Amino acid sequence: MITIWHNPRCSKSRQTLALVEAKGEVTVRRYLEDAPSVEELTEARALLGLPVIDMMRAKESLFKDLGLSKSDDDATLLAAMAENPKLIERPIVLTNGKAALGRPPETVLDIL
């Protein structure tokens, strides 16, 4: 099963969704409306193999407005994403115990 954390207003997310749909059935999770929990974000981070900060939209004004810093600990950053899903970099594709960030969209093809 393939799941994509998707924002339909984002062109990269739409492009990634199209690539994923061409590979089979996909579950679309509109993460802005159905925010992942800290536990789900932690699991996604482990599958991505990225630092937590690389999962975040650190240039988003909300990041600064919340007083966040790139040097904050993982727990602080994960909690901020769970409470403010707008901070999650998009899209994230999860399948078969693997994950990829669709930036660029073709990156997800490696896990499909």
Foldseek 3Di string as FASTA:
>chain_A
DKEKQADVVDPQRVVLVVVVVVVHDYHYHPCQVVPDALVVLVLLCVQAVDQLQVQFPCVPVVCVVVVHDPPDDNVVSSRCCRVGVVGGQDMWMDDDSHIHHPVPSCRCVVVD
